[in-house]
Amino acid sequence: MSSSPDIVIIGSGVGGATVAAGLAVTGAQILILEAGDHIADLPVNRDQRAIFQRGHFRPKETWYEANGKGFNPGNYY
C-alpha cells in the first residue's frame, strides 16, 4: 500500500525550502516538487557577494508592471 503526503510543496527555493524546514518538526509527510536543476557545488554558488552584490543568480529577463514599466525580478521575487 502506498501512502500520500500530508503536505505538497511546489518548489524548493527560498520559500519552499523554508516552509518545508518549518513543517518538518510536525512529523507530517512532506513532498517537495522541483522542476529546476540541482545547483552545482561551486564556490561562487555559496559566495554571498557574488549572489547579493554581483547578481550571480539574478534572472536575465525583464518583467513588466501593469503600466508597462519593466524591471528585473531579482533573486527572490
PDB file of N, CA and C in Angstrom:
ATOM      1  N   MET A   1       0.852  -1.174   0.000  1.00  0.00           N
ATOM      2  CA  MET A   1       0.000   0.000   0.000  1.00  0.00           C
ATOM      3  C   MET A   1       0.896   1.235   0.000  1.00  0.00           C
ATOM      4  N   SER A   2       0.605   2.189  -0.861  1.00  0.00           N
ATOM      5  CA  SER A   2       1.380   3.422  -0.899  1.00  0.00           C
ATOM      6  C   SER A   2       0.687   4.486  -0.036  1.00  0.00           C
ATOM      7  N   SER A   3       1.474   5.395   0.463  1.00  0.00           N
ATOM      8  CA  SER A   3       0.903   6.468   1.279  1.00  0.00           C
ATOM      9  C   SER A   3       0.909   7.767   0.499  1.00  0.00           C
ATOM     10  N   SER A   4       0.073   8.681   0.891  1.00  0.00           N
ATOM     11  CA  SER A   4       0.008  10.007   0.288  1.00  0.00           C
ATOM     12  C   SER A   4       0.629  11.006   1.251  1.00  0.00           C
ATOM     13  N   PRO A   5       1.292  12.023   0.714  1.00  0.00           N
ATOM     14  CA  PRO A   5       1.876  13.027   1.612  1.00  0.00           C
ATOM     15  C   PRO A   5       0.784  13.852   2.285  1.00  0.00           C
ATOM     16  N   ASP A   6       1.105  14.365   3.446  1.00  0.00           N
ATOM     17  CA  ASP A   6       0.192  15.280   4.136  1.00  0.00           C
ATOM     18  C   ASP A   6       0.255  16.674   3.514  1.00  0.00           C
ATOM     19  N   ILE A   7       1.438  17.035   3.048  1.00  0.00           N
ATOM     20  CA  ILE A   7       1.679  18.377   2.510  1.00  0.00           C
ATOM     21  C   ILE A   7       2.496  18.249   1.228  1.00  0.00           C
ATOM     22  N   VAL A   8       2.101  18.989   0.208  1.00  0.00           N
ATOM     23  CA  VAL A   8       2.872  19.059  -1.035  1.00  0.00           C
ATOM     24  C   VAL A   8       3.337  20.506  -1.206  1.00  0.00           C
ATOM     25  N   ILE A   9       4.628  20.673  -1.395  1.00  0.00           N
ATOM     26  CA  ILE A   9       5.215  21.994  -1.592  1.00  0.00           C
ATOM     27  C   ILE A   9       5.753  22.053  -3.013  1.00  0.00           C
ATOM     28  N   ILE A  10       5.346  23.082  -3.734  1.00  0.00           N
ATOM     29  CA  ILE A  10       5.802  23.261  -5.106  1.00  0.00           C
ATOM     30  C   ILE A  10       6.994  24.208  -5.096  1.00  0.00           C
ATOM     31  N   GLY A  11       8.162  23.665  -5.405  1.00  0.00           N
ATOM     32  CA  GLY A  11       9.375  24.465  -5.489  1.00  0.00           C
ATOM     33  C   GLY A  11      10.210  24.394  -4.222  1.00  0.00           C
ATOM     34  N   SER A  12      11.507  24.199  -4.399  1.00  0.00           N
ATOM     35  CA  SER A  12      12.413  24.100  -3.253  1.00  0.00           C
ATOM     36  C   SER A  12      13.303  25.331  -3.117  1.00  0.00           C
ATOM     37  N   GLY A  13      12.831  26.461  -3.625  1.00  0.00           N
ATOM     38  CA  GLY A  13      13.589  27.704  -3.495  1.00  0.00           C
ATOM     39  C   GLY A  13      13.525  28.232  -2.077  1.00  0.00           C
ATOM     40  N   VAL A  14      13.807  29.494  -1.934  1.00  0.00           N
ATOM     41  CA  VAL A  14      13.848  30.114  -0.604  1.00  0.00           C
ATOM     42  C   VAL A  14      12.540  29.889   0.155  1.00  0.00           C
ATOM     43  N   GLY A  15      11.412  30.131  -0.491  1.00  0.00           N
ATOM     44  CA  GLY A  15      10.124  29.970   0.187  1.00  0.00           C
ATOM     45  C   GLY A  15       9.789  28.523   0.480  1.00  0.00           C
ATOM     46  N   GLY A  16       9.888  27.669  -0.531  1.00  0.00           N
ATOM     47  CA  GLY A  16       9.527  26.264  -0.364  1.00  0.00           C
ATOM     48  C   GLY A  16      10.404  25.542   0.637  1.00  0.00           C
ATOM     49  N   ALA A  17      11.711  25.767   0.561  1.00  0.00           N
ATOM     50  CA  ALA A  17      12.629  25.104   1.487  1.00  0.00           C
ATOM     51  C   ALA A  17      12.411  25.578   2.923  1.00  0.00           C
ATOM     52  N   THR A  18      12.123  26.864   3.089  1.00  0.00           N
ATOM     53  CA  THR A  18      11.879  27.406   4.434  1.00  0.00           C
ATOM     54  C   THR A  18      10.602  26.821   5.031  1.00  0.00           C
ATOM     55  N   VAL A  19       9.556  26.750   4.216  1.00  0.00           N
ATOM     56  CA  VAL A  19       8.297  26.171   4.695  1.00  0.00           C
ATOM     57  C   VAL A  19       8.499  24.698   5.044  1.00  0.00           C
ATOM     58  N   ALA A  20       9.189  23.967   4.185  1.00  0.00           N
ATOM     59  CA  ALA A  20       9.440  22.545   4.451  1.00  0.00           C
ATOM     60  C   ALA A  20      10.224  22.350   5.745  1.00  0.00           C
ATOM     61  N   ALA A  21      11.244  23.168   5.947  1.00  0.00           N
ATOM     62  CA  ALA A  21      12.040  23.051   7.172  1.00  0.00           C
ATOM     63  C   ALA A  21      11.194  23.350   8.404  1.00  0.00           C
ATOM     64  N   GLY A  22      10.338  24.358   8.313  1.00  0.00           N
ATOM     65  CA  GLY A  22       9.472  24.702   9.444  1.00  0.00           C
ATOM     66  C   GLY A  22       8.442  23.627   9.753  1.00  0.00           C
ATOM     67  N   LEU A  23       7.945  22.978   8.699  1.00  0.00           N
ATOM     68  CA  LEU A  23       6.919  21.944   8.894  1.00  0.00           C
ATOM     69  C   LEU A  23       7.492  20.572   9.244  1.00  0.00           C
ATOM     70  N   ALA A  24       8.779  20.364   9.004  1.00  0.00           N
ATOM     71  CA  ALA A  24       9.390  19.061   9.255  1.00  0.00           C
ATOM     72  C   ALA A  24       9.237  18.619  10.701  1.00  0.00           C
ATOM     73  N   VAL A  25       9.285  19.556  11.622  1.00  0.00           N
ATOM     74  CA  VAL A  25       9.180  19.207  13.040  1.00  0.00           C
ATOM     75  C   VAL A  25       7.784  18.719  13.425  1.00  0.00           C
ATOM     76  N   THR A  26       6.789  18.911  12.553  1.00  0.00           N
ATOM     77  CA  THR A  26       5.429  18.467  12.866  1.00  0.00           C
ATOM     78  C   THR A  26       5.252  16.971  12.677  1.00  0.00           C
ATOM     79  N   GLY A  27       6.191  16.330  11.978  1.00  0.00           N
ATOM     80  CA  GLY A  27       6.074  14.909  11.702  1.00  0.00           C
ATOM     81  C   GLY A  27       5.223  14.612  10.477  1.00  0.00           C
ATOM     82  N   ALA A  28       4.723  15.632   9.823  1.00  0.00           N
ATOM     83  CA  ALA A  28       3.912  15.434   8.620  1.00  0.00           C
ATOM     84  C   ALA A  28       4.782  14.871   7.503  1.00  0.00           C
ATOM     85  N   GLN A  29       4.160  14.104   6.621  1.00  0.00           N
ATOM     86  CA  GLN A  29       4.867  13.614   5.429  1.00  0.00           C
ATOM     87  C   GLN A  29       4.817  14.718   4.381  1.00  0.00           C
ATOM     88  N   ILE A  30       5.995  15.205   4.005  1.00  0.00           N
ATOM     89  CA  ILE A  30       6.099  16.352   3.108  1.00  0.00           C
ATOM     90  C   ILE A  30       6.721  15.911   1.794  1.00  0.00           C
ATOM     91  N   LEU A  31       6.094  16.309   0.697  1.00  0.00           N
ATOM     92  CA  LEU A  31       6.615  16.056  -0.640  1.00  0.00           C
ATOM     93  C   LEU A  31       6.951  17.403  -1.264  1.00  0.00           C
ATOM     94  N   ILE A  32       8.195  17.556  -1.719  1.00  0.00           N
ATOM     95  CA  ILE A  32       8.612  18.779  -2.405  1.00  0.00           C
ATOM     96  C   ILE A  32       8.787  18.445  -3.878  1.00  0.00           C
ATOM     97  N   LEU A  33       8.086  19.173  -4.731  1.00  0.00           N
ATOM     98  CA  LEU A  33       8.211  19.004  -6.175  1.00  0.00           C
ATOM     99  C   LEU A  33       9.060  20.133  -6.729  1.00  0.00           C
ATOM    100  N   GLU A  34      10.085  19.786  -7.486  1.00  0.00           N
ATOM    101  CA  GLU A  34      11.019  20.775  -8.023  1.00  0.00           C
ATOM    102  C   GLU A  34      11.273  20.486  -9.496  1.00  0.00           C
ATOM    103  N   ALA A  35      11.128  21.506 -10.323  1.00  0.00           N
ATOM    104  CA  ALA A  35      11.368  21.359 -11.757  1.00  0.00           C
ATOM    105  C   ALA A  35      12.771  21.793 -12.157  1.00  0.00           C
ATOM    106  N   GLY A  36      13.424  22.557 -11.318  1.00  0.00           N
ATOM    107  CA  GLY A  36      14.742  23.085 -11.656  1.00  0.00           C
ATOM    108  C   GLY A  36      15.841  22.062 -11.484  1.00  0.00           C
ATOM    109  N   ASP A  37      17.001  22.413 -12.005  1.00  0.00           N
ATOM    110  CA  ASP A  37      18.174  21.556 -11.887  1.00  0.00           C
ATOM    111  C   ASP A  37      18.808  21.684 -10.508  1.00  0.00           C
ATOM    112  N   HIS A  38      19.652  20.721 -10.179  1.00  0.00           N
ATOM    113  CA  HIS A  38      20.445  20.759  -8.955  1.00  0.00           C
ATOM    114  C   HIS A  38      21.488  21.858  -9.097  1.00  0.00           C
ATOM    115  N   ILE A  39      21.697  22.631  -8.063  1.00  0.00           N
ATOM    116  CA  ILE A  39      22.724  23.670  -8.095  1.00  0.00           C
ATOM    117  C   ILE A  39      24.073  23.023  -7.841  1.00  0.00           C
ATOM    118  N   ALA A  40      25.002  23.247  -8.745  1.00  0.00           N
ATOM    119  CA  ALA A  40      26.337  22.648  -8.638  1.00  0.00           C
ATOM    120  C   ALA A  40      27.045  23.136  -7.379  1.00  0.00           C
ATOM    121  N   ASP A  41      27.873  22.268  -6.809  1.00  0.00           N
ATOM    122  CA  ASP A  41      28.630  22.607  -5.608  1.00  0.00           C
ATOM    123  C   ASP A  41      29.891  23.360  -6.013  1.00  0.00           C
ATOM    124  N   LEU A  42      29.715  24.655  -6.281  1.00  0.00           N
ATOM    125  CA  LEU A  42      30.817  25.520  -6.687  1.00  0.00           C
ATOM    126  C   LEU A  42      30.958  26.663  -5.687  1.00  0.00           C
ATOM    127  N   PRO A  43      32.170  27.152  -5.463  1.00  0.00           N
ATOM    128  CA  PRO A  43      32.358  28.260  -4.513  1.00  0.00           C
ATOM    129  C   PRO A  43      31.493  29.477  -4.829  1.00  0.00           C
ATOM    130  N   VAL A  44      31.328  29.824  -6.102  1.00  0.00           N
ATOM    131  CA  VAL A  44      30.541  31.005  -6.466  1.00  0.00           C
ATOM    132  C   VAL A  44      29.068  30.843  -6.058  1.00  0.00           C
ATOM    133  N   ASN A  45      28.576  29.631  -5.975  1.00  0.00           N
ATOM    134  CA  ASN A  45      27.182  29.395  -5.585  1.00  0.00           C
ATOM    135  C   ASN A  45      26.952  29.557  -4.090  1.00  0.00           C
ATOM    136  N   ARG A  46      28.030  29.707  -3.319  1.00  0.00           N
ATOM    137  CA  ARG A  46      27.935  29.949  -1.878  1.00  0.00           C
ATOM    138  C   ARG A  46      28.502  31.317  -1.492  1.00  0.00           C
ATOM    139  N   ASP A  47      28.970  32.059  -2.483  1.00  0.00           N
ATOM    140  CA  ASP A  47      29.623  33.351  -2.245  1.00  0.00           C
ATOM    141  C   ASP A  47      28.563  34.446  -2.085  1.00  0.00           C
ATOM    142  N   GLN A  48      28.417  34.972  -0.870  1.00  0.00           N
ATOM    143  CA  GLN A  48      27.388  35.972  -0.596  1.00  0.00           C
ATOM    144  C   GLN A  48      27.547  37.220  -1.449  1.00  0.00           C
ATOM    145  N   ARG A  49      28.755  37.646  -1.682  1.00  0.00           N
ATOM    146  CA  ARG A  49      28.965  38.835  -2.519  1.00  0.00           C
ATOM    147  C   ARG A  49      28.556  38.560  -3.970  1.00  0.00           C
ATOM    148  N   ALA A  50      28.890  37.380  -4.471  1.00  0.00           N
ATOM    149  CA  ALA A  50      28.507  37.030  -5.843  1.00  0.00           C
ATOM    150  C   ALA A  50      26.992  36.991  -5.979  1.00  0.00           C
ATOM    151  N   ILE A  51      26.312  36.462  -4.980  1.00  0.00           N
ATOM    152  CA  ILE A  51      24.858  36.319  -5.041  1.00  0.00           C
ATOM    153  C   ILE A  51      24.144  37.649  -4.853  1.00  0.00           C
ATOM    154  N   PHE A  52      24.494  38.386  -3.804  1.00  0.00           N
ATOM    155  CA  PHE A  52      23.719  39.575  -3.450  1.00  0.00           C
ATOM    156  C   PHE A  52      24.252  40.878  -4.043  1.00  0.00           C
ATOM    157  N   GLN A  53      25.545  40.956  -4.315  1.00  0.00           N
ATOM    158  CA  GLN A  53      26.098  42.193  -4.865  1.00  0.00           C
ATOM    159  C   GLN A  53      26.295  42.109  -6.381  1.00  0.00           C
ATOM    160  N   ARG A  54      26.782  40.960  -6.854  1.00  0.00           N
ATOM    161  CA  ARG A  54      27.051  40.834  -8.287  1.00  0.00           C
ATOM    162  C   ARG A  54      25.933  40.134  -9.047  1.00  0.00           C
ATOM    163  N   GLY A  55      24.875  39.717  -8.355  1.00  0.00           N
ATOM    164  CA  GLY A  55      23.693  39.157  -9.008  1.00  0.00           C
ATOM    165  C   GLY A  55      23.903  37.816  -9.679  1.00  0.00           C
ATOM    166  N   HIS A  56      24.713  36.957  -9.080  1.00  0.00           N
ATOM    167  CA  HIS A  56      25.031  35.652  -9.677  1.00  0.00           C
ATOM    168  C   HIS A  56      23.780  34.857 -10.077  1.00  0.00           C
ATOM    169  N   PHE A  57      22.756  34.859  -9.266  1.00  0.00           N
ATOM    170  CA  PHE A  57      21.539  34.093  -9.563  1.00  0.00           C
ATOM    171  C   PHE A  57      20.401  34.952 -10.119  1.00  0.00           C
ATOM    172  N   ARG A  58      20.631  36.220 -10.353  1.00  0.00           N
ATOM    173  CA  ARG A  58      19.564  37.084 -10.892  1.00  0.00           C
ATOM    174  C   ARG A  58      19.171  36.600 -12.269  1.00  0.00           C
ATOM    175  N   PRO A  59      17.878  36.505 -12.537  1.00  0.00           N
ATOM    176  CA  PRO A  59      17.455  36.102 -13.879  1.00  0.00           C
ATOM    177  C   PRO A  59      17.790  37.189 -14.895  1.00  0.00           C
ATOM    178  N   LYS A  60      18.093  36.773 -16.087  1.00  0.00           N
ATOM    179  CA  LYS A  60      18.408  37.723 -17.155  1.00  0.00           C
ATOM    180  C   LYS A  60      17.154  37.946 -17.995  1.00  0.00           C
ATOM    181  N   GLU A  61      16.142  38.491 -17.351  1.00  0.00           N
ATOM    182  CA  GLU A  61      14.871  38.740 -18.026  1.00  0.00           C
ATOM    183  C   GLU A  61      14.236  39.996 -17.456  1.00  0.00           C
ATOM    184  N   THR A  62      13.290  40.509 -18.189  1.00  0.00           N
ATOM    185  CA  THR A  62      12.556  41.693 -17.752  1.00  0.00           C
ATOM    186  C   THR A  62      11.107  41.321 -17.556  1.00  0.00           C
ATOM    187  N   TRP A  63      10.552  41.695 -16.400  1.00  0.00           N
ATOM    188  CA  TRP A  63       9.127  41.535 -16.140  1.00  0.00           C
ATOM    189  C   TRP A  63       8.502  42.907 -16.297  1.00  0.00           C
ATOM    190  N   TYR A  64       7.200  42.937 -16.542  1.00  0.00           N
ATOM    191  CA  TYR A  64       6.532  44.207 -16.788  1.00  0.00           C
ATOM    192  C   TYR A  64       5.368  44.423 -15.829  1.00  0.00           C
ATOM    193  N   GLU A  65       5.299  45.645 -15.293  1.00  0.00           N
ATOM    194  CA  GLU A  65       4.188  46.035 -14.442  1.00  0.00           C
ATOM    195  C   GLU A  65       2.981  46.342 -15.320  1.00  0.00           C
ATOM    196  N   ALA A  66       1.816  46.507 -14.706  1.00  0.00           N
ATOM    197  CA  ALA A  66       0.590  46.781 -15.447  1.00  0.00           C
ATOM    198  C   ALA A  66       0.702  48.032 -16.315  1.00  0.00           C
ATOM    199  N   ASN A  67       1.521  48.991 -15.868  1.00  0.00           N
ATOM    200  CA  ASN A  67       1.686  50.239 -16.629  1.00  0.00           C
ATOM    201  C   ASN A  67       2.736  50.116 -17.736  1.00  0.00           C
ATOM    202  N   GLY A  68       3.314  48.928 -17.913  1.00  0.00           N
ATOM    203  CA  GLY A  68       4.290  48.700 -18.963  1.00  0.00           C
ATOM    204  C   GLY A  68       5.730  48.935 -18.562  1.00  0.00           C
ATOM    205  N   LYS A  69       5.967  49.428 -17.345  1.00  0.00           N
ATOM    206  CA  LYS A  69       7.327  49.679 -16.878  1.00  0.00           C
ATOM    207  C   LYS A  69       8.027  48.350 -16.597  1.00  0.00           C
ATOM    208  N   GLY A  70       9.219  48.172 -17.164  1.00  0.00           N
ATOM    209  CA  GLY A  70       9.967  46.933 -16.983  1.00  0.00           C
ATOM    210  C   GLY A  70      10.839  46.958 -15.745  1.00  0.00           C
ATOM    211  N   PHE A  71      11.093  45.779 -15.195  1.00  0.00           N
ATOM    212  CA  PHE A  71      12.004  45.653 -14.056  1.00  0.00           C
ATOM    213  C   PHE A  71      12.598  44.252 -14.041  1.00  0.00           C
ATOM    214  N   ASN A  72      13.742  44.100 -13.393  1.00  0.00           N
ATOM    215  CA  ASN A  72      14.357  42.798 -13.202  1.00  0.00           C
ATOM    216  C   ASN A  72      13.807  42.229 -11.910  1.00  0.00           C
ATOM    217  N   PRO A  73      13.272  40.999 -11.908  1.00  0.00           N
ATOM    218  CA  PRO A  73      12.605  40.474 -10.717  1.00  0.00           C
ATOM    219  C   PRO A  73      13.509  40.207  -9.524  1.00  0.00           C
ATOM    220  N   GLY A  74      14.799  40.137  -9.700  1.00  0.00           N
ATOM    221  CA  GLY A  74      15.698  39.923  -8.563  1.00  0.00           C
ATOM    222  C   GLY A  74      15.789  38.469  -8.152  1.00  0.00           C
ATOM    223  N   ASN A  75      16.527  38.222  -7.077  1.00  0.00           N
ATOM    224  CA  ASN A  75      16.781  36.857  -6.627  1.00  0.00           C
ATOM    225  C   ASN A  75      15.554  36.149  -6.084  1.00  0.00           C
ATOM    226  N   TYR A  76      14.701  36.858  -5.370  1.00  0.00           N
ATOM    227  CA  TYR A  76      13.622  36.186  -4.635  1.00  0.00           C
ATOM    228  C   TYR A  76      12.252  36.698  -4.989  1.00  0.00           C
ATOM    229  N   TYR A  77      12.060  37.223  -6.163  1.00  0.00           N
ATOM    230  CA  TYR A  77      10.762  37.825  -6.484  1.00  0.00           C
ATOM    231  C   TYR A  77       9.673  36.779  -6.563  1.00  0.00           C
TER     232      TYR A  77
END
